[in-house]
């Protein structure tokens, strides 16, 4: 007879893996958004316009941009 807790344990492990994968997908999408914001800024789009378009604060836009810059710097140093 199988221990009934085995199924629960396996399901919890599967849930944790799925949550980890979801976090990785969201992090990658945030970096992509940050890179696109940087491109728009380089093209002369004001930060306030980007913030309005995204319905974010200027600080949130700044943080997304900074994260993309930091990631680019980290990969360039590797």
PDB file of N, CA and C in Angstrom:
ATOM      1  N   UNK A   1       0.850  -1.188   0.000  1.00  0.00           N
ATOM      2  CA  UNK A   1       0.000   0.000   0.000  1.00  0.00           C
ATOM      3  C   UNK A   1       0.892   1.247   0.000  1.00  0.00           C
ATOM      4  N   UNK A   2       0.523   2.198  -0.799  1.00  0.00           N
ATOM      5  CA  UNK A   2       1.288   3.435  -0.909  1.00  0.00           C
ATOM      6  C   UNK A   2       0.862   4.404   0.186  1.00  0.00           C
ATOM      7  N   UNK A   3       1.846   5.132   0.682  1.00  0.00           N
ATOM      8  CA  UNK A   3       1.558   6.154   1.684  1.00  0.00           C
ATOM      9  C   UNK A   3       0.777   7.285   1.020  1.00  0.00           C
ATOM     10  N   UNK A   4      -0.407   7.625   1.542  1.00  0.00           N
ATOM     11  CA  UNK A   4      -1.224   8.675   0.937  1.00  0.00           C
ATOM     12  C   UNK A   4      -0.515  10.043   0.902  1.00  0.00           C
ATOM     13  N   UNK A   5       0.451  10.243   1.770  1.00  0.00           N
ATOM     14  CA  UNK A   5       1.163  11.515   1.822  1.00  0.00           C
ATOM     15  C   UNK A   5       2.147  11.655   0.661  1.00  0.00           C
ATOM     16  N   UNK A   6       2.473  10.544   0.007  1.00  0.00           N
ATOM     17  CA  UNK A   6       3.398  10.595  -1.123  1.00  0.00           C
ATOM     18  C   UNK A   6       2.825  11.462  -2.238  1.00  0.00           C
ATOM     19  N   UNK A   7       1.555  11.277  -2.541  1.00  0.00           N
ATOM     20  CA  UNK A   7       0.910  12.080  -3.582  1.00  0.00           C
ATOM     21  C   UNK A   7       0.895  13.550  -3.229  1.00  0.00           C
ATOM     22  N   UNK A   8       0.638  13.840  -1.971  1.00  0.00           N
ATOM     23  CA  UNK A   8       0.632  15.235  -1.530  1.00  0.00           C
ATOM     24  C   UNK A   8       2.035  15.819  -1.657  1.00  0.00           C
ATOM     25  N   UNK A   9       3.015  15.085  -1.238  1.00  0.00           N
ATOM     26  CA  UNK A   9       4.403  15.542  -1.321  1.00  0.00           C
ATOM     27  C   UNK A   9       4.814  15.819  -2.762  1.00  0.00           C
ATOM     28  N   UNK A  10       4.439  14.923  -3.665  1.00  0.00           N
ATOM     29  CA  UNK A  10       4.757  15.106  -5.082  1.00  0.00           C
ATOM     30  C   UNK A  10       4.046  16.333  -5.655  1.00  0.00           C
ATOM     31  N   UNK A  11       2.788  16.534  -5.243  1.00  0.00           N
ATOM     32  CA  UNK A  11       2.027  17.687  -5.725  1.00  0.00           C
ATOM     33  C   UNK A  11       2.634  18.991  -5.211  1.00  0.00           C
ATOM     34  N   UNK A  12       3.088  19.001  -3.968  1.00  0.00           N
ATOM     35  CA  UNK A  12       3.733  20.196  -3.413  1.00  0.00           C
ATOM     36  C   UNK A  12       5.020  20.490  -4.176  1.00  0.00           C
ATOM     37  N   UNK A  13       5.793  19.467  -4.478  1.00  0.00           N
ATOM     38  CA  UNK A  13       7.023  19.660  -5.245  1.00  0.00           C
ATOM     39  C   UNK A  13       6.722  20.212  -6.636  1.00  0.00           C
ATOM     40  N   UNK A  14       5.696  19.684  -7.271  1.00  0.00           N
ATOM     41  CA  UNK A  14       5.305  20.170  -8.596  1.00  0.00           C
ATOM     42  C   UNK A  14       4.858  21.626  -8.526  1.00  0.00           C
ATOM     43  N   UNK A  15       4.128  21.982  -7.496  1.00  0.00           N
ATOM     44  CA  UNK A  15       3.672  23.363  -7.324  1.00  0.00           C
ATOM     45  C   UNK A  15       4.862  24.296  -7.136  1.00  0.00           C
ATOM     46  N   UNK A  16       5.820  23.905  -6.328  1.00  0.00           N
ATOM     47  CA  UNK A  16       7.009  24.743  -6.101  1.00  0.00           C
ATOM     48  C   UNK A  16       7.803  24.923  -7.395  1.00  0.00           C
ATOM     49  N   UNK A  17       7.939  23.855  -8.175  1.00  0.00           N
ATOM     50  CA  UNK A  17       8.632  23.977  -9.463  1.00  0.00           C
ATOM     51  C   UNK A  17       7.897  24.940 -10.388  1.00  0.00           C
ATOM     52  N   UNK A  18       6.572  24.824 -10.426  1.00  0.00           N
ATOM     53  CA  UNK A  18       5.769  25.705 -11.284  1.00  0.00           C
ATOM     54  C   UNK A  18       5.893  27.158 -10.837  1.00  0.00           C
ATOM     55  N   UNK A  19       5.885  27.393  -9.533  1.00  0.00           N
ATOM     56  CA  UNK A  19       6.034  28.758  -9.022  1.00  0.00           C
ATOM     57  C   UNK A  19       7.414  29.324  -9.368  1.00  0.00           C
ATOM     58  N   UNK A  20       8.450  28.500  -9.265  1.00  0.00           N
ATOM     59  CA  UNK A  20       9.805  28.935  -9.639  1.00  0.00           C
ATOM     60  C   UNK A  20       9.866  29.290 -11.125  1.00  0.00           C
ATOM     61  N   UNK A  21       9.272  28.453 -11.957  1.00  0.00           N
ATOM     62  CA  UNK A  21       9.242  28.716 -13.404  1.00  0.00           C
ATOM     63  C   UNK A  21       8.474  30.002 -13.710  1.00  0.00           C
ATOM     64  N   UNK A  22       7.361  30.195 -13.022  1.00  0.00           N
ATOM     65  CA  UNK A  22       6.559  31.406 -13.233  1.00  0.00           C
ATOM     66  C   UNK A  22       7.356  32.653 -12.849  1.00  0.00           C
ATOM     67  N   UNK A  23       8.071  32.590 -11.735  1.00  0.00           N
ATOM     68  CA  UNK A  23       8.895  33.734 -11.327  1.00  0.00           C
ATOM     69  C   UNK A  23       9.967  34.034 -12.363  1.00  0.00           C
ATOM     70  N   UNK A  24      10.572  32.986 -12.924  1.00  0.00           N
ATOM     71  CA  UNK A  24      11.603  33.178 -13.947  1.00  0.00           C
ATOM     72  C   UNK A  24      11.011  33.799 -15.213  1.00  0.00           C
ATOM     73  N   UNK A  25       9.830  33.369 -15.600  1.00  0.00           N
ATOM     74  CA  UNK A  25       9.169  33.918 -16.792  1.00  0.00           C
ATOM     75  C   UNK A  25       8.844  35.394 -16.572  1.00  0.00           C
ATOM     76  N   UNK A  26       8.314  35.730 -15.403  1.00  0.00           N
ATOM     77  CA  UNK A  26       7.973  37.126 -15.101  1.00  0.00           C
ATOM     78  C   UNK A  26       9.238  37.984 -15.065  1.00  0.00           C
ATOM     79  N   UNK A  27      10.299  37.473 -14.467  1.00  0.00           N
ATOM     80  CA  UNK A  27      11.554  38.232 -14.405  1.00  0.00           C
ATOM     81  C   UNK A  27      12.091  38.501 -15.809  1.00  0.00           C
ATOM     82  N   UNK A  28      12.033  37.515 -16.682  1.00  0.00           N
ATOM     83  CA  UNK A  28      12.502  37.700 -18.065  1.00  0.00           C
ATOM     84  C   UNK A  28      11.636  38.722 -18.802  1.00  0.00           C
ATOM     85  N   UNK A  29      10.335  38.680 -18.569  1.00  0.00           N
ATOM     86  CA  UNK A  29       9.435  39.638 -19.219  1.00  0.00           C
ATOM     87  C   UNK A  29       9.679  41.058 -18.707  1.00  0.00           C
ATOM     88  N   UNK A  30       9.965  41.203 -17.413  1.00  0.00           N
ATOM     89  CA  UNK A  30      10.280  42.524 -16.859  1.00  0.00           C
ATOM     90  C   UNK A  30      11.557  43.080 -17.482  1.00  0.00           C
ATOM     91  N   UNK A  31      12.569  42.218 -17.641  1.00  0.00           N
ATOM     92  CA  UNK A  31      13.811  42.664 -18.276  1.00  0.00           C
ATOM     93  C   UNK A  31      13.563  43.097 -19.712  1.00  0.00           C
ATOM     94  N   UNK A  32      12.738  42.348 -20.421  1.00  0.00           N
ATOM     95  CA  UNK A  32      12.415  42.722 -21.801  1.00  0.00           C
ATOM     96  C   UNK A  32      11.705  44.074 -21.838  1.00  0.00           C
ATOM     97  N   UNK A  33      10.780  44.280 -20.929  1.00  0.00           N
ATOM     98  CA  UNK A  33      10.094  45.569 -20.858  1.00  0.00           C
ATOM     99  C   UNK A  33      11.097  46.681 -20.552  1.00  0.00           C
ATOM    100  N   UNK A  34      12.001  46.430 -19.632  1.00  0.00           N
ATOM    101  CA  UNK A  34      13.023  47.417 -19.312  1.00  0.00           C
ATOM    102  C   UNK A  34      13.893  47.748 -20.508  1.00  0.00           C
ATOM    103  N   UNK A  35      14.260  46.729 -21.291  1.00  0.00           N
ATOM    104  CA  UNK A  35      15.062  46.965 -22.498  1.00  0.00           C
ATOM    105  C   UNK A  35      14.289  47.804 -23.517  1.00  0.00           C
ATOM    106  N   UNK A  36      13.014  47.538 -23.661  1.00  0.00           N
ATOM    107  CA  UNK A  36      12.192  48.313 -24.598  1.00  0.00           C
ATOM    108  C   UNK A  36      12.029  49.748 -24.116  1.00  0.00           C
ATOM    109  N   UNK A  37      11.915  49.935 -22.808  1.00  0.00           N
ATOM    110  CA  UNK A  37      11.850  51.294 -22.262  1.00  0.00           C
ATOM    111  C   UNK A  37      13.146  52.034 -22.574  1.00  0.00           C
ATOM    112  N   UNK A  38      14.282  51.362 -22.382  1.00  0.00           N
ATOM    113  CA  UNK A  38      15.570  51.992 -22.692  1.00  0.00           C
ATOM    114  C   UNK A  38      15.648  52.396 -24.161  1.00  0.00           C
ATOM    115  N   UNK A  39      15.170  51.526 -25.042  1.00  0.00           N
ATOM    116  CA  UNK A  39      15.167  51.851 -26.478  1.00  0.00           C
ATOM    117  C   UNK A  39      14.306  53.083 -26.756  1.00  0.00           C
ATOM    118  N   UNK A  40      13.143  53.126 -26.130  1.00  0.00           N
ATOM    119  CA  UNK A  40      12.247  54.265 -26.330  1.00  0.00           C
ATOM    120  C   UNK A  40      12.882  55.545 -25.800  1.00  0.00           C
ATOM    121  N   UNK A  41      13.531  55.457 -24.652  1.00  0.00           N
ATOM    122  CA  UNK A  41      14.202  56.637 -24.090  1.00  0.00           C
ATOM    123  C   UNK A  41      15.315  57.107 -25.012  1.00  0.00           C
ATOM    124  N   UNK A  42      16.085  56.162 -25.567  1.00  0.00           N
ATOM    125  CA  UNK A  42      17.158  56.518 -26.502  1.00  0.00           C
ATOM    126  C   UNK A  42      16.590  57.174 -27.759  1.00  0.00           C
ATOM    127  N   UNK A  43      15.375  56.819 -28.117  1.00  0.00           N
ATOM    128  CA  UNK A  43      14.715  57.405 -29.287  1.00  0.00           C
ATOM    129  C   UNK A  43      14.071  58.748 -28.958  1.00  0.00           C
ATOM    130  N   UNK A  44      14.199  59.188 -27.697  1.00  0.00           N
ATOM    131  CA  UNK A  44      13.696  60.498 -27.320  1.00  0.00           C
ATOM    132  C   UNK A  44      12.323  60.536 -26.679  1.00  0.00           C
ATOM    133  N   UNK A  45      11.766  59.383 -26.374  1.00  0.00           N
ATOM    134  CA  UNK A  45      10.444  59.372 -25.730  1.00  0.00           C
ATOM    135  C   UNK A  45      10.628  59.745 -24.263  1.00  0.00           C
ATOM    136  N   UNK A  46       9.910  60.762 -23.780  1.00  0.00           N
ATOM    137  CA  UNK A  46      10.040  61.167 -22.380  1.00  0.00           C
ATOM    138  C   UNK A  46       9.552  60.079 -21.418  1.00  0.00           C
ATOM    139  N   UNK A  47      10.231  60.006 -20.285  1.00  0.00           N
ATOM    140  CA  UNK A  47       9.874  59.015 -19.276  1.00  0.00           C
ATOM    141  C   UNK A  47       8.415  59.168 -18.833  1.00  0.00           C
ATOM    142  N   UNK A  48       7.949  60.412 -18.709  1.00  0.00           N
ATOM    143  CA  UNK A  48       6.563  60.628 -18.264  1.00  0.00           C
ATOM    144  C   UNK A  48       5.565  60.078 -19.277  1.00  0.00           C
ATOM    145  N   UNK A  49       5.903  60.118 -20.566  1.00  0.00           N
ATOM    146  CA  UNK A  49       5.014  59.556 -21.586  1.00  0.00           C
ATOM    147  C   UNK A  49       4.968  58.032 -21.491  1.00  0.00           C
ATOM    148  N   UNK A  50       6.119  57.439 -21.249  1.00  0.00           N
ATOM    149  CA  UNK A  50       6.174  55.979 -21.093  1.00  0.00           C
ATOM    150  C   UNK A  50       5.376  55.573 -19.861  1.00  0.00           C
ATOM    151  N   UNK A  51       5.577  56.295 -18.765  1.00  0.00           N
ATOM    152  CA  UNK A  51       4.846  55.995 -17.532  1.00  0.00           C
ATOM    153  C   UNK A  51       3.338  56.105 -17.754  1.00  0.00           C
ATOM    154  N   UNK A  52       2.919  57.146 -18.441  1.00  0.00           N
ATOM    155  CA  UNK A  52       1.487  57.297 -18.719  1.00  0.00           C
ATOM    156  C   UNK A  52       0.939  56.186 -19.577  1.00  0.00           C
ATOM    157  N   UNK A  53       1.700  55.805 -20.598  1.00  0.00           N
ATOM    158  CA  UNK A  53       1.281  54.733 -21.494  1.00  0.00           C
ATOM    159  C   UNK A  53       1.137  53.413 -20.743  1.00  0.00           C
ATOM    160  N   UNK A  54       2.087  53.143 -19.843  1.00  0.00           N
ATOM    161  CA  UNK A  54       2.084  51.883 -19.091  1.00  0.00           C
ATOM    162  C   UNK A  54       1.204  51.936 -17.841  1.00  0.00           C
ATOM    163  N   UNK A  55       0.704  53.139 -17.532  1.00  0.00           N
ATOM    164  CA  UNK A  55      -0.061  53.347 -16.299  1.00  0.00           C
ATOM    165  C   UNK A  55       0.776  52.965 -15.079  1.00  0.00           C
ATOM    166  N   UNK A  56       2.038  53.398 -15.104  1.00  0.00           N
ATOM    167  CA  UNK A  56       2.966  53.205 -13.999  1.00  0.00           C
ATOM    168  C   UNK A  56       3.447  54.569 -13.541  1.00  0.00           C
ATOM    169  N   UNK A  57       4.084  54.596 -12.378  1.00  0.00           N
ATOM    170  CA  UNK A  57       4.708  55.836 -11.947  1.00  0.00           C
ATOM    171  C   UNK A  57       6.047  55.976 -12.667  1.00  0.00           C
ATOM    172  N   UNK A  58       6.569  57.190 -12.664  1.00  0.00           N
ATOM    173  CA  UNK A  58       7.884  57.408 -13.276  1.00  0.00           C
ATOM    174  C   UNK A  58       8.946  56.606 -12.527  1.00  0.00           C
ATOM    175  N   UNK A  59       8.775  56.449 -11.222  1.00  0.00           N
ATOM    176  CA  UNK A  59       9.730  55.654 -10.429  1.00  0.00           C
ATOM    177  C   UNK A  59       9.708  54.190 -10.862  1.00  0.00           C
ATOM    178  N   UNK A  60       8.533  53.649 -11.131  1.00  0.00           N
ATOM    179  CA  UNK A  60       8.451  52.264 -11.595  1.00  0.00           C
ATOM    180  C   UNK A  60       9.146  52.110 -12.945  1.00  0.00           C
ATOM    181  N   UNK A  61       8.959  53.077 -13.825  1.00  0.00           N
ATOM    182  CA  UNK A  61       9.617  53.043 -15.131  1.00  0.00           C
ATOM    183  C   UNK A  61      11.125  53.131 -14.946  1.00  0.00           C
ATOM    184  N   UNK A  62      11.566  54.001 -14.033  1.00  0.00           N
ATOM    185  CA  UNK A  62      12.991  54.136 -13.758  1.00  0.00           C
ATOM    186  C   UNK A  62      13.578  52.813 -13.248  1.00  0.00           C
ATOM    187  N   UNK A  63      12.851  52.134 -12.369  1.00  0.00           N
ATOM    188  CA  UNK A  63      13.342  50.857 -11.818  1.00  0.00           C
ATOM    189  C   UNK A  63      13.432  49.779 -12.895  1.00  0.00           C
ATOM    190  N   UNK A  64      12.457  49.730 -13.785  1.00  0.00           N
ATOM    191  CA  UNK A  64      12.508  48.762 -14.882  1.00  0.00           C
ATOM    192  C   UNK A  64      13.714  49.036 -15.777  1.00  0.00           C
ATOM    193  N   UNK A  65      13.960  50.311 -16.061  1.00  0.00           N
ATOM    194  CA  UNK A  65      15.102  50.705 -16.883  1.00  0.00           C
ATOM    195  C   UNK A  65      16.405  50.329 -16.200  1.00  0.00           C
ATOM    196  N   UNK A  66      16.486  50.615 -14.909  1.00  0.00           N
ATOM    197  CA  UNK A  66      17.711  50.326 -14.155  1.00  0.00           C
ATOM    198  C   UNK A  66      17.983  48.824 -14.123  1.00  0.00           C
ATOM    199  N   UNK A  67      16.953  48.035 -13.919  1.00  0.00           N
ATOM    200  CA  UNK A  67      17.137  46.577 -13.888  1.00  0.00           C
ATOM    201  C   UNK A  67      17.672  46.075 -15.227  1.00  0.00           C
ATOM    202  N   UNK A  68      17.167  46.636 -16.317  1.00  0.00           N
ATOM    203  CA  UNK A  68      17.641  46.233 -17.651  1.00  0.00           C
ATOM    204  C   UNK A  68      19.093  46.654 -17.849  1.00  0.00           C
ATOM    205  N   UNK A  69      19.440  47.875 -17.409  1.00  0.00           N
ATOM    206  CA  UNK A  69      20.828  48.326 -17.509  1.00  0.00           C
ATOM    207  C   UNK A  69      21.754  47.455 -16.694  1.00  0.00           C
ATOM    208  N   UNK A  70      21.339  47.138 -15.456  1.00  0.00           N
ATOM    209  CA  UNK A  70      22.150  46.304 -14.570  1.00  0.00           C
ATOM    210  C   UNK A  70      22.361  44.907 -15.154  1.00  0.00           C
ATOM    211  N   UNK A  71      21.298  44.357 -15.748  1.00  0.00           N
ATOM    212  CA  UNK A  71      21.404  43.023 -16.358  1.00  0.00           C
ATOM    213  C   UNK A  71      22.341  43.061 -17.546  1.00  0.00           C
ATOM    214  N   UNK A  72      22.279  44.130 -18.337  1.00  0.00           N
ATOM    215  CA  UNK A  72      23.163  44.262 -19.487  1.00  0.00           C
ATOM    216  C   UNK A  72      24.612  44.391 -19.041  1.00  0.00           C
ATOM    217  N   UNK A  73      24.833  45.141 -17.975  1.00  0.00           N
ATOM    218  CA  UNK A  73      26.194  45.310 -17.451  1.00  0.00           C
ATOM    219  C   UNK A  73      26.720  43.985 -16.913  1.00  0.00           C
ATOM    220  N   UNK A  74      25.882  43.261 -16.214  1.00  0.00           N
ATOM    221  CA  UNK A  74      26.298  41.978 -15.641  1.00  0.00           C
ATOM    222  C   UNK A  74      26.652  40.974 -16.736  1.00  0.00           C
ATOM    223  N   UNK A  75      25.871  40.942 -17.806  1.00  0.00           N
ATOM    224  CA  UNK A  75      26.155  39.990 -18.886  1.00  0.00           C
ATOM    225  C   UNK A  75      27.395  40.422 -19.669  1.00  0.00           C
ATOM    226  N   UNK A  76      27.644  41.736 -19.746  1.00  0.00           N
ATOM    227  CA  UNK A  76      28.837  42.218 -20.456  1.00  0.00           C
ATOM    228  C   UNK A  76      30.100  41.890 -19.666  1.00  0.00           C
ATOM    229  N   UNK A  77      29.986  41.848 -18.340  1.00  0.00           N
ATOM    230  CA  UNK A  77      31.136  41.545 -17.505  1.00  0.00           C
ATOM    231  C   UNK A  77      31.454  40.058 -17.476  1.00  0.00           C
ATOM    232  N   UNK A  78      30.521  39.222 -17.873  1.00  0.00           N
ATOM    233  CA  UNK A  78      30.731  37.758 -17.840  1.00  0.00           C
ATOM    234  C   UNK A  78      31.654  37.294 -18.926  1.00  0.00           C
TER     235      UNK A  78
END
